[in-house]
Amino acid sequence: MRWDFILKAKKCKWCKNSFTQSRPLQRACSIDCALQIAKQEKITEEKKDFKKRKEKLKTKADFLKEAQIEFNKYIRLRDKNEPCISCGRFHLGQWHAGHYRSVGAAPHLRFDEKNVHKQCAPCNNHKSGNVIEYRIRLIAKIGITEVERIESDNKARHFTVDEVKEIKLFYKNKCKEIENGKR
């Protein structure tokens, strides 16, 4: 059976030159291009395999760190038009997602949006969060009832790896919404 009446001119997947197929599923114009395509596909497959193996080696702490990065990014985006929660200044320096109750003191509140607000680096790093001023402005922002809820919340809660993955995905999507102007 002759295929030349069915086969049409195509572009080579590697060099992008036009060629006429000699076989129905031919993707390359020459053996050299076919070898390059096969080499590239092998590299891509190895990268996917490496990524899967790397994912399997992650600990809960690794997943928590990734989720915290997405959460902190969300807080900075959410509060981008607000001043530092502690000192009330706007400046051109670095901004953090400052926890009112620190992750070390209250790990169960690490992803509580009312516990975390935009904070300048000097207040967060050099003044240990500037907690007294933080509390004053936090009361003005969310109310005394919420501040007291945060301060009195000492119930230990532990996140599972699946919960942490969901949290990461949730805040990643919220960041995309803000960046795309949907919020």
Protein backbone atom coordinates (compact mmCIF):
# COMPACT_ATOMS: atom_id res chain seq x y z
CA MET A 1 0.00 0.00 0.00
CA ARG A 2 1.31 3.41 -0.88
CA TRP A 3 1.23 6.11 1.80
CA ASP A 4 2.44 9.06 -0.23
CA PHE A 5 -1.09 10.14 -1.10
CA ILE A 6 -2.01 10.27 2.64
CA LEU A 7 1.22 11.61 4.07
CA LYS A 8 1.66 15.34 3.86
CA ALA A 9 4.44 17.83 4.43
CA LYS A 10 5.23 18.35 8.12
CA LYS A 11 7.70 20.30 10.21
CA CYS A 12 10.51 18.39 11.87
CA LYS A 13 10.04 18.38 15.66
CA TRP A 14 13.75 19.06 16.15
CA CYS A 15 15.08 21.37 13.42
CA LYS A 16 11.69 22.77 12.31
CA ASN A 17 12.51 22.21 8.61
CA SER A 18 9.67 21.10 6.36
CA PHE A 19 9.80 17.49 5.09
CA THR A 20 7.55 14.86 3.51
CA GLN A 21 6.89 11.84 5.67
CA SER A 22 8.02 8.43 4.50
CA ARG A 23 6.20 6.70 7.38
CA PRO A 24 2.86 7.56 9.00
CA LEU A 25 4.18 8.48 12.49
CA GLN A 26 7.43 10.08 11.39
CA ARG A 27 8.28 13.19 13.46
CA ALA A 28 11.77 14.01 12.21
CA CYS A 29 13.25 14.79 8.83
CA SER A 30 16.39 12.70 9.37
CA ILE A 31 17.94 10.09 11.61
CA ASP A 32 20.08 12.76 13.30
CA CYS A 33 16.99 14.79 14.21
CA ALA A 34 15.20 11.62 15.38
CA LEU A 35 18.17 10.80 17.65
CA GLN A 36 18.15 14.34 19.08
CA ILE A 37 14.40 14.07 19.77
CA ALA A 38 14.90 10.70 21.48
CA LYS A 39 17.77 12.12 23.56
CA GLN A 40 15.64 15.10 24.63
CA GLU A 41 12.70 12.84 25.53
CA LYS A 42 15.02 10.64 27.61
CA ILE A 43 16.33 13.71 29.48
CA THR A 44 12.76 14.90 30.10
CA GLU A 45 11.74 11.46 31.38
CA GLU A 46 14.78 11.34 33.68
CA LYS A 47 13.90 14.76 35.08
CA LYS A 48 10.34 13.59 35.79
CA ASP A 49 11.64 10.44 37.45
CA PHE A 50 14.12 12.46 39.53
CA LYS A 51 11.35 14.83 40.62
CA LYS A 52 9.18 11.87 41.72
CA ARG A 53 12.02 10.27 43.67
CA LYS A 54 12.90 13.60 45.28
CA GLU A 55 9.25 14.10 46.31
CA LYS A 56 9.25 10.69 48.02
CA LEU A 57 12.28 11.66 50.12
CA LYS A 58 10.69 14.82 51.52
CA THR A 59 9.94 14.95 55.20
CA LYS A 60 6.99 16.60 56.89
CA ALA A 61 9.30 19.50 57.76
CA ASP A 62 10.11 19.97 54.07
CA PHE A 63 6.41 20.13 53.21
CA LEU A 64 5.79 22.56 56.10
CA LYS A 65 8.57 24.81 54.83
CA GLU A 66 7.08 24.86 51.31
CA ALA A 67 3.58 25.58 52.66
CA GLN A 68 4.97 28.34 54.90
CA ILE A 69 6.63 29.99 51.89
CA GLU A 70 3.30 30.08 50.00
CA PHE A 71 1.41 31.27 53.08
CA ASN A 72 3.92 34.07 53.75
CA LYS A 73 3.76 35.15 50.11
CA TYR A 74 -0.03 35.32 50.40
CA ILE A 75 0.19 37.48 53.56
CA ARG A 76 2.58 39.92 51.87
CA LEU A 77 0.28 40.13 48.83
CA ARG A 78 -2.86 40.46 50.98
CA ASP A 79 -1.35 43.32 53.01
CA LYS A 80 0.66 44.95 50.19
CA ASN A 81 -1.09 48.31 50.56
CA GLU A 82 -0.84 48.39 54.36
CA PRO A 83 2.03 49.67 56.52
CA CYS A 84 4.09 47.54 58.88
CA ILE A 85 1.79 46.09 61.56
CA SER A 86 4.32 46.95 64.28
CA CYS A 87 5.73 50.39 63.48
CA GLY A 88 3.10 51.68 61.05
CA ARG A 89 5.70 52.78 58.51
CA PHE A 90 5.84 52.37 54.74
CA HIS A 91 9.35 52.00 53.38
CA LEU A 92 11.25 50.50 50.48
CA GLY A 93 12.90 47.73 52.49
CA GLN A 94 12.12 44.06 52.74
CA TRP A 95 8.73 42.91 53.99
CA HIS A 96 8.03 39.80 56.04
CA ALA A 97 4.95 37.90 57.09
CA GLY A 98 5.30 38.54 60.82
CA HIS A 99 3.60 36.20 63.26
CA TYR A 100 2.06 37.78 66.36
CA ARG A 101 2.55 34.51 68.21
CA SER A 102 5.68 32.98 66.74
CA VAL A 103 5.79 29.59 65.04
CA GLY A 104 8.15 28.40 67.78
CA ALA A 105 5.75 29.41 70.56
CA ALA A 106 2.51 28.44 68.81
CA PRO A 107 3.14 26.14 65.82
CA HIS A 108 -0.58 25.41 65.58
CA LEU A 109 -1.16 29.08 64.64
CA ARG A 110 1.46 29.20 61.87
CA PHE A 111 -1.25 29.27 59.16
CA ASP A 112 -3.80 31.40 61.04
CA GLU A 113 -4.35 34.46 58.84
CA LYS A 114 -5.34 36.64 61.81
CA ASN A 115 -2.05 35.78 63.56
CA VAL A 116 0.14 36.87 60.63
CA HIS A 117 0.47 40.30 59.05
CA LYS A 118 2.87 42.28 56.88
CA GLN A 119 5.83 43.43 58.93
CA CYS A 120 9.02 45.26 58.03
CA ALA A 121 12.32 43.43 58.36
CA PRO A 122 13.71 45.74 61.10
CA CYS A 123 10.70 45.12 63.36
CA ASN A 124 10.62 41.38 62.68
CA ASN A 125 14.36 40.68 62.84
CA HIS A 126 15.93 43.35 65.03
CA LYS A 127 13.10 44.06 67.44
CA SER A 128 11.91 40.44 67.80
CA GLY A 129 8.60 41.29 66.20
CA ASN A 130 8.12 44.57 68.12
CA VAL A 131 5.32 42.73 69.95
CA ILE A 132 3.96 45.57 72.10
CA GLU A 133 3.39 47.83 69.09
CA TYR A 134 2.21 44.81 67.07
CA ARG A 135 -0.49 44.09 69.68
CA ILE A 136 -1.71 47.71 69.75
CA ARG A 137 -2.10 47.86 65.96
CA LEU A 138 -3.47 44.30 65.81
CA ILE A 139 -6.29 45.22 68.20
CA ALA A 140 -7.11 48.20 65.97
CA LYS A 141 -7.06 45.95 62.90
CA ILE A 142 -8.93 42.80 64.00
CA GLY A 143 -10.43 43.68 67.40
CA ILE A 144 -9.69 42.72 70.99
CA THR A 145 -11.84 39.56 70.81
CA GLU A 146 -9.72 38.05 68.01
CA VAL A 147 -6.46 39.10 69.67
CA GLU A 148 -7.53 37.43 72.92
CA ARG A 149 -8.55 34.33 70.96
CA ILE A 150 -5.07 34.16 69.43
CA GLU A 151 -3.38 34.78 72.79
CA SER A 152 -5.42 32.13 74.61
CA ASP A 153 -5.29 29.46 71.87
CA ASN A 154 -2.96 26.85 73.35
CA LYS A 155 -4.64 23.73 72.01
CA ALA A 156 -2.01 21.59 70.33
CA ARG A 157 -2.90 20.70 66.76
CA HIS A 158 -0.69 18.72 64.44
CA PHE A 159 -0.83 18.91 60.67
CA THR A 160 -0.60 15.77 58.56
CA VAL A 161 1.47 15.77 55.38
CA ASP A 162 -1.71 15.69 53.29
CA GLU A 163 -3.11 18.69 55.20
CA VAL A 164 0.12 20.60 54.66
CA LYS A 165 0.04 19.81 50.93
CA GLU A 166 -3.56 21.09 50.79
CA ILE A 167 -2.57 24.26 52.66
CA LYS A 168 0.29 24.88 50.22
CA LEU A 169 -2.00 24.41 47.20
CA PHE A 170 -4.72 26.58 48.76
CA TYR A 171 -2.39 29.54 49.35
CA LYS A 172 -0.66 29.08 46.01
CA ASN A 173 -4.06 29.45 44.33
CA LYS A 174 -4.96 32.47 46.50
CA CYS A 175 -1.67 34.13 45.48
CA LYS A 176 -2.44 33.51 41.80
CA GLU A 177 -5.90 35.09 42.25
CA ILE A 178 -4.38 38.23 43.78
CA GLU A 179 -1.60 38.43 41.18
CA ASN A 180 -4.13 38.06 38.35
CA GLY A 181 -6.30 40.80 39.84
CA LYS A 182 -9.26 38.59 40.75
CA ARG A 183 -9.22 39.74 44.38
